């Protein structure tokens, strides 16, 4: 028997790995993931949504081909494929109904395309649901029976595990924390159009938008501010400026944190989870965000719910989309639950 070359990657065991695909508005991601949540290979590329559905699907499948080759994995040796994407979608039928981050996509049978390419089972889930499953299977939520997951990024998404089962709702799109109302007559939500959604106040895009407005108002009033000096304002810049005492930044950041605390308090009261996992780019602010949110929930939630809920950062980082898509494949195709 010939010995393996030094540092060569061993072939993955049959059935112990899945292909994971994540469809975002700006980037596509793919990976081969084993049953421990380890990435055997991964790759990303721009979505190129303006090129149309067929071009994006072709790019996604070529990305899948690439990570399979990098992992030395054959499709027939895999358990299946998990696909994550923002909704609305029909998870049972495997159809993307009308995701707002993919304009022009209407009733796209993405699962059928993937099955045709690889000849193995494939499942589709909301990316927030997938994120919750990923943290439950492989990350900060491992071992929890009642878990809420929020990703605070360009928008706010999330999902839940209730009673040791991934929650999907009656139509497969349940668990949309970004669309909890925090201000009844508030700012319009860019995603759903309703006033006062949590996403309209605490998402990265909302923080940046409100910071740009604050910078313009300060400039008109002759008030000094660090906001907007370098052009486009990001949520990270708002958090940093607030920490350094900029009053306009502190106001915008404080309102965002208060909105997140308020929305999360309502969710904790409804679901009484033992664990709340917060991920997404805005949470890179660390304790500048997590500390005040924990305090708001501890003060505002009903006693038993407040005492039960721990609020922790997510563990998946930039690979959350791929790891989450893998988790729903292990759950739905393999019938697995975290042990």
Protein backbone atom coordinates (compact mmCIF):
# COMPACT_ATOMS: atom_id res chain seq x y z
CA UNK A 1 0.00 0.00 0.00
CA UNK A 2 1.47 3.34 -1.02
CA UNK A 3 1.85 5.86 1.82
CA UNK A 4 0.12 9.20 1.50
CA UNK A 5 2.31 12.11 0.56
CA UNK A 6 3.27 14.42 3.45
CA UNK A 7 0.66 17.06 4.23
CA UNK A 8 -1.83 15.58 1.75
CA UNK A 9 -5.51 15.83 2.62
CA UNK A 10 -7.14 12.44 3.31
CA UNK A 11 -10.20 11.53 1.31
CA UNK A 12 -13.38 12.36 3.27
CA UNK A 13 -15.33 9.34 4.55
CA UNK A 14 -18.55 8.63 2.59
CA UNK A 15 -21.65 10.24 4.10
CA UNK A 16 -19.68 12.23 6.65
CA UNK A 17 -19.60 15.42 4.59
CA UNK A 18 -21.99 17.72 2.79
CA UNK A 19 -21.78 20.40 0.16
CA UNK A 20 -23.00 23.74 1.51
CA UNK A 21 -24.08 26.67 -0.68
CA UNK A 22 -24.97 30.16 0.50
CA UNK A 23 -26.69 32.64 -1.82
CA UNK A 24 -26.26 36.27 -0.82
CA UNK A 25 -27.07 39.51 -2.58
CA UNK A 26 -23.43 40.50 -2.97
CA UNK A 27 -21.53 37.22 -2.66
CA UNK A 28 -21.94 33.50 -3.17
CA UNK A 29 -20.19 31.07 -0.84
CA UNK A 30 -19.64 27.33 -0.98
CA UNK A 31 -17.90 24.77 1.16
CA UNK A 32 -17.47 21.11 1.89
CA UNK A 33 -18.21 20.60 5.58
CA UNK A 34 -17.84 17.51 7.74
CA UNK A 35 -20.11 16.36 10.55
CA UNK A 36 -18.01 18.23 13.15
CA UNK A 37 -18.53 21.52 11.34
CA UNK A 38 -14.99 21.66 9.95
CA UNK A 39 -14.54 23.28 6.56
CA UNK A 40 -12.64 20.90 4.30
CA UNK A 41 -12.69 23.53 1.56
CA UNK A 42 -14.43 26.83 0.92
CA UNK A 43 -14.64 29.59 -1.66
CA UNK A 44 -16.53 32.80 -2.33
CA UNK A 45 -17.24 34.91 -5.38
CA UNK A 46 -19.42 37.92 -6.27
CA UNK A 47 -23.07 37.15 -6.90
CA UNK A 48 -23.37 39.38 -9.95
CA UNK A 49 -27.13 39.58 -9.55
CA UNK A 50 -27.47 42.08 -12.40
CA UNK A 51 -26.42 39.34 -14.83
CA UNK A 52 -29.65 37.44 -14.20
CA UNK A 53 -30.80 34.19 -12.62
CA UNK A 54 -29.15 31.76 -15.04
CA UNK A 55 -25.75 33.40 -14.78
CA UNK A 56 -25.85 33.43 -10.98
CA UNK A 57 -26.95 29.79 -10.75
CA UNK A 58 -24.20 28.77 -13.13
CA UNK A 59 -21.66 30.67 -11.04
CA UNK A 60 -22.97 29.03 -7.85
CA UNK A 61 -22.68 25.52 -9.30
CA UNK A 62 -19.19 26.19 -10.64
CA UNK A 63 -18.26 27.36 -7.14
CA UNK A 64 -19.64 24.08 -5.82
CA UNK A 65 -17.56 22.15 -8.36
CA UNK A 66 -14.49 24.05 -7.21
CA UNK A 67 -14.84 23.28 -3.49
CA UNK A 68 -15.60 19.63 -4.21
CA UNK A 69 -12.40 19.38 -6.24
CA UNK A 70 -10.41 21.19 -3.55
CA UNK A 71 -11.72 18.76 -0.90
CA UNK A 72 -11.18 15.74 -3.17
CA UNK A 73 -14.82 14.85 -2.63
CA UNK A 74 -17.07 13.19 -5.19
CA UNK A 75 -20.77 14.09 -5.14
CA UNK A 76 -21.77 10.42 -4.77
CA UNK A 77 -19.77 10.21 -1.53
CA UNK A 78 -21.66 13.10 0.08
CA UNK A 79 -24.73 12.95 2.28
CA UNK A 80 -26.27 15.77 0.28
CA UNK A 81 -26.33 19.52 -0.26
CA UNK A 82 -27.64 22.28 2.00
CA UNK A 83 -28.56 25.66 0.51
CA UNK A 84 -29.13 28.85 2.49
CA UNK A 85 -30.72 32.01 1.12
CA UNK A 86 -32.82 34.88 2.36
CA UNK A 87 -36.57 34.50 1.87
CA UNK A 88 -39.36 34.53 1.08
CA UNK A 89 -38.86 30.94 -0.03
CA UNK A 90 -40.63 27.60 -0.05
CA UNK A 91 -38.27 25.32 1.84
CA UNK A 92 -40.30 22.16 1.20
CA UNK A 93 -40.50 22.71 -2.56
CA UNK A 94 -36.95 24.08 -2.74
CA UNK A 95 -38.07 27.26 -4.48
CA UNK A 96 -36.90 30.85 -3.99
CA UNK A 97 -40.16 32.79 -4.14
CA UNK A 98 -39.12 36.44 -4.20
CA UNK A 99 -36.04 37.32 -2.12
CA UNK A 100 -35.64 41.11 -2.08
CA UNK A 101 -31.85 40.88 -2.13
CA UNK A 102 -32.11 39.06 -5.48
CA UNK A 103 -34.27 41.36 -7.62
CA UNK A 104 -35.89 39.62 -10.54
CA UNK A 105 -35.82 36.19 -8.91
CA UNK A 106 -39.36 34.80 -8.90
CA UNK A 107 -40.18 31.15 -8.16
CA UNK A 108 -36.67 29.90 -8.92
CA UNK A 109 -36.39 26.11 -8.31
CA UNK A 110 -32.88 26.26 -6.96
CA UNK A 111 -32.98 22.81 -5.34
CA UNK A 112 -33.92 21.21 -8.66
CA UNK A 113 -30.92 22.86 -10.31
CA UNK A 114 -28.55 21.59 -7.63
CA UNK A 115 -29.99 18.07 -7.66
CA UNK A 116 -29.65 17.92 -11.43
CA UNK A 117 -26.00 18.96 -11.23
CA UNK A 118 -24.87 16.61 -8.46
CA UNK A 119 -27.42 13.79 -8.37
CA UNK A 120 -27.71 13.84 -4.57
CA UNK A 121 -30.39 15.08 -2.14
CA UNK A 122 -30.54 18.84 -1.60
CA UNK A 123 -32.50 21.06 0.78
CA UNK A 124 -33.17 24.80 0.94
CA UNK A 125 -33.66 26.91 4.06
CA UNK A 126 -33.86 30.55 5.03
CA UNK A 127 -30.34 31.74 5.80
CA UNK A 128 -31.39 32.90 9.28
CA UNK A 129 -32.81 29.47 10.05
CA UNK A 130 -29.61 27.94 8.71
CA UNK A 131 -27.56 30.26 10.91
CA UNK A 132 -29.49 29.12 13.99
CA UNK A 133 -28.96 25.49 13.02
CA UNK A 134 -25.25 26.11 12.46
CA UNK A 135 -24.73 27.57 15.92
CA UNK A 136 -26.82 24.78 17.43
CA UNK A 137 -24.94 21.99 15.67
CA UNK A 138 -21.41 23.33 15.71
CA UNK A 139 -21.10 26.59 17.65
CA UNK A 140 -22.10 28.59 20.67
CA UNK A 141 -25.52 26.95 20.91
CA UNK A 142 -24.37 23.35 21.02
CA UNK A 143 -26.34 21.47 23.69
CA UNK A 144 -29.11 24.06 24.03
CA UNK A 145 -32.75 23.06 23.73
CA UNK A 146 -34.17 26.58 23.35
CA UNK A 147 -32.04 28.98 21.34
CA UNK A 148 -32.55 32.26 19.53
CA UNK A 149 -30.09 33.40 16.88
CA UNK A 150 -29.84 36.89 15.42
CA UNK A 151 -27.45 38.06 12.76
CA UNK A 152 -27.06 41.82 12.93
CA UNK A 153 -25.49 42.74 9.63
CA UNK A 154 -26.62 44.68 6.54
CA UNK A 155 -30.09 43.58 7.63
CA UNK A 156 -31.24 41.62 10.65
CA UNK A 157 -32.12 37.98 10.26
CA UNK A 158 -32.21 34.99 12.50
CA UNK A 159 -33.88 31.81 13.56
CA UNK A 160 -34.73 29.67 16.53
CA UNK A 161 -34.38 26.21 18.00
CA UNK A 162 -37.35 25.40 20.23
CA UNK A 163 -37.61 22.24 22.26
CA UNK A 164 -34.62 20.73 20.52
CA UNK A 165 -36.04 21.27 17.02
CA UNK A 166 -35.24 23.88 14.40
CA UNK A 167 -38.23 26.23 14.12
CA UNK A 168 -39.44 27.01 10.60
CA UNK A 169 -43.05 28.12 10.98
CA UNK A 170 -46.07 27.06 8.96
CA UNK A 171 -44.68 28.17 5.59
CA UNK A 172 -40.95 27.68 6.18
CA UNK A 173 -40.08 31.34 6.75
CA UNK A 174 -40.67 31.63 10.49
CA UNK A 175 -38.22 33.34 12.81
CA UNK A 176 -37.76 36.84 11.38
CA UNK A 177 -36.48 38.88 14.34
CA UNK A 178 -35.57 41.84 12.16
CA UNK A 179 -39.23 42.56 11.60
CA UNK A 180 -40.28 42.85 15.22
CA UNK A 181 -41.71 46.35 15.65
CA UNK A 182 -39.73 48.53 18.07
CA UNK A 183 -41.23 51.94 17.14
CA UNK A 184 -44.89 51.80 16.12
CA UNK A 185 -44.74 54.91 13.90
CA UNK A 186 -41.04 54.75 13.18
CA UNK A 187 -38.75 54.70 10.19
CA UNK A 188 -39.81 52.58 7.21
CA UNK A 189 -38.09 49.24 6.89
CA UNK A 190 -36.15 48.98 3.61
CA UNK A 191 -36.89 45.25 3.36
CA UNK A 192 -40.58 44.89 4.17
CA UNK A 193 -41.85 48.48 4.03
CA UNK A 194 -43.51 48.46 7.45
CA UNK A 195 -42.72 51.26 9.91
CA UNK A 196 -40.53 50.78 12.96
CA UNK A 197 -38.96 47.37 12.36
CA UNK A 198 -35.91 46.45 14.41
CA UNK A 199 -33.99 46.23 11.13
CA UNK A 200 -34.78 49.90 10.42
CA UNK A 201 -32.88 50.93 13.58
CA UNK A 202 -30.24 48.37 14.50
CA UNK A 203 -29.00 46.86 11.22
CA UNK A 204 -25.68 47.95 9.78
CA UNK A 205 -27.35 49.69 6.84
CA UNK A 206 -29.79 51.53 9.13
CA UNK A 207 -27.00 52.68 11.45
CA UNK A 208 -25.01 53.96 8.48
CA UNK A 209 -28.05 55.72 7.01
CA UNK A 210 -28.92 57.45 10.27
CA UNK A 211 -25.28 58.41 10.81
CA UNK A 212 -25.16 60.03 7.38
CA UNK A 213 -28.29 62.00 8.28
CA UNK A 214 -26.72 63.06 11.60
CA UNK A 215 -23.53 64.13 9.83
CA UNK A 216 -25.49 66.24 7.33
CA UNK A 217 -27.49 67.87 10.12
CA UNK A 218 -24.33 68.60 12.11
CA UNK A 219 -22.65 70.14 9.07
CA UNK A 220 -25.68 72.34 8.40
CA UNK A 221 -25.68 73.50 12.02
CA UNK A 222 -21.93 74.05 12.12
CA UNK A 223 -21.55 71.36 14.80
CA UNK A 224 -18.29 69.39 14.74
CA UNK A 225 -18.55 65.63 14.25
CA UNK A 226 -16.27 62.82 13.14
CA UNK A 227 -19.09 61.27 11.14
CA UNK A 228 -18.87 61.52 7.36
CA UNK A 229 -15.38 62.97 7.14
CA UNK A 230 -14.14 60.05 5.05
CA UNK A 231 -17.25 59.81 2.89
CA UNK A 232 -19.51 56.82 3.41
CA UNK A 233 -20.20 56.06 7.07
CA UNK A 234 -20.22 52.46 8.33
CA UNK A 235 -21.67 51.00 11.51
CA UNK A 236 -18.15 50.17 12.70
CA UNK A 237 -17.11 53.80 12.30
CA UNK A 238 -20.18 54.94 14.23
CA UNK A 239 -19.33 52.57 17.09
CA UNK A 240 -15.70 53.75 17.18
CA UNK A 241 -16.66 57.44 17.05
CA UNK A 242 -19.20 56.93 19.82
CA UNK A 243 -16.57 55.31 22.01
CA UNK A 244 -14.32 58.34 21.43
CA UNK A 245 -17.02 60.71 22.63
CA UNK A 246 -18.52 62.06 19.40
CA UNK A 247 -22.02 63.17 20.49
CA UNK A 248 -23.74 62.57 17.14
CA UNK A 249 -22.22 59.12 16.85
CA UNK A 250 -23.10 58.36 20.46
CA UNK A 251 -26.73 59.27 19.82
CA UNK A 252 -27.02 57.10 16.70
CA UNK A 253 -25.21 54.17 18.31
CA UNK A 254 -27.22 54.50 21.51
CA UNK A 255 -30.50 54.43 19.61
CA UNK A 256 -29.42 51.34 17.68
CA UNK A 257 -28.36 49.49 20.82
CA UNK A 258 -31.56 50.51 22.61
CA UNK A 259 -33.65 49.24 19.69
CA UNK A 260 -31.80 45.94 19.67
CA UNK A 261 -32.26 45.60 23.42
CA UNK A 262 -35.97 46.39 23.13
CA UNK A 263 -36.57 43.96 20.28
CA UNK A 264 -34.59 41.22 21.94
CA UNK A 265 -36.45 41.74 25.22
CA UNK A 266 -39.73 41.09 23.41
CA UNK A 267 -38.33 37.96 21.78
CA UNK A 268 -36.97 36.67 25.09
CA UNK A 269 -40.39 37.22 26.69
CA UNK A 270 -42.11 35.30 23.88
CA UNK A 271 -39.74 32.34 23.57
CA UNK A 272 -37.96 32.18 26.97
CA UNK A 273 -34.75 30.76 25.48
CA UNK A 274 -31.85 29.52 27.55
CA UNK A 275 -29.45 31.06 25.04
CA UNK A 276 -29.41 34.01 22.66
CA UNK A 277 -26.63 33.96 20.07
CA UNK A 278 -25.77 37.23 18.33
CA UNK A 279 -23.72 37.26 15.13
CA UNK A 280 -23.16 39.44 12.09
CA UNK A 281 -20.84 42.30 11.28
CA UNK A 282 -22.35 44.82 13.70
CA UNK A 283 -21.60 42.50 16.64
CA UNK A 284 -17.88 42.95 15.97
CA UNK A 285 -18.29 45.96 18.25
CA UNK A 286 -18.13 43.40 21.05
CA UNK A 287 -19.06 44.58 24.52
CA UNK A 288 -19.96 48.05 23.21
CA UNK A 289 -23.00 46.26 21.83
CA UNK A 290 -23.37 43.10 23.92
CA UNK A 291 -23.02 44.75 27.32
CA UNK A 292 -25.89 47.26 26.94
CA UNK A 293 -28.08 44.65 25.24
CA UNK A 294 -27.57 42.20 28.10
CA UNK A 295 -28.44 44.95 30.57
CA UNK A 296 -31.59 45.89 28.64
CA UNK A 297 -32.84 42.31 28.57
CA UNK A 298 -31.99 41.74 32.23
CA UNK A 299 -33.94 44.86 33.19
CA UNK A 300 -36.84 44.65 30.73
CA UNK A 301 -37.66 40.96 30.29
CA UNK A 302 -40.01 39.16 32.63
CA UNK A 303 -38.18 37.67 35.60
CA UNK A 304 -38.05 33.98 34.68
CA UNK A 305 -37.22 34.73 31.04
CA UNK A 306 -34.54 37.25 31.96
CA UNK A 307 -32.90 34.81 34.37
CA UNK A 308 -32.98 31.95 31.86
CA UNK A 309 -31.42 33.75 28.89
CA UNK A 310 -27.68 34.01 28.39
CA UNK A 311 -26.60 36.31 25.57
CA UNK A 312 -23.39 35.26 23.82
CA UNK A 313 -21.54 36.06 20.59
CA UNK A 314 -21.80 33.67 17.65
CA UNK A 315 -18.82 31.47 16.87
CA UNK A 316 -19.09 30.88 13.11
CA UNK A 317 -17.80 34.29 11.99
CA UNK A 318 -17.46 34.84 8.24
CA UNK A 319 -18.24 31.18 7.53
CA UNK A 320 -21.70 31.36 9.16
CA UNK A 321 -23.61 31.05 5.88
CA UNK A 322 -21.77 27.94 4.72
CA UNK A 323 -21.70 26.26 8.13
CA UNK A 324 -25.41 26.97 8.56
CA UNK A 325 -26.28 25.51 5.17
CA UNK A 326 -24.28 22.43 6.10
CA UNK A 327 -26.14 22.09 9.40
CA UNK A 328 -29.57 22.01 7.74
CA UNK A 329 -28.29 19.34 5.36
CA UNK A 330 -27.17 17.17 8.27
CA UNK A 331 -30.47 17.83 10.04
CA UNK A 332 -32.95 17.41 7.19
CA UNK A 333 -31.18 14.86 5.00
CA UNK A 334 -29.26 12.93 7.64
CA UNK A 335 -31.85 13.21 10.41
CA UNK A 336 -29.12 14.29 12.82
CA UNK A 337 -29.36 16.46 15.94
CA UNK A 338 -26.45 17.77 18.00
CA UNK A 339 -25.25 15.18 20.50
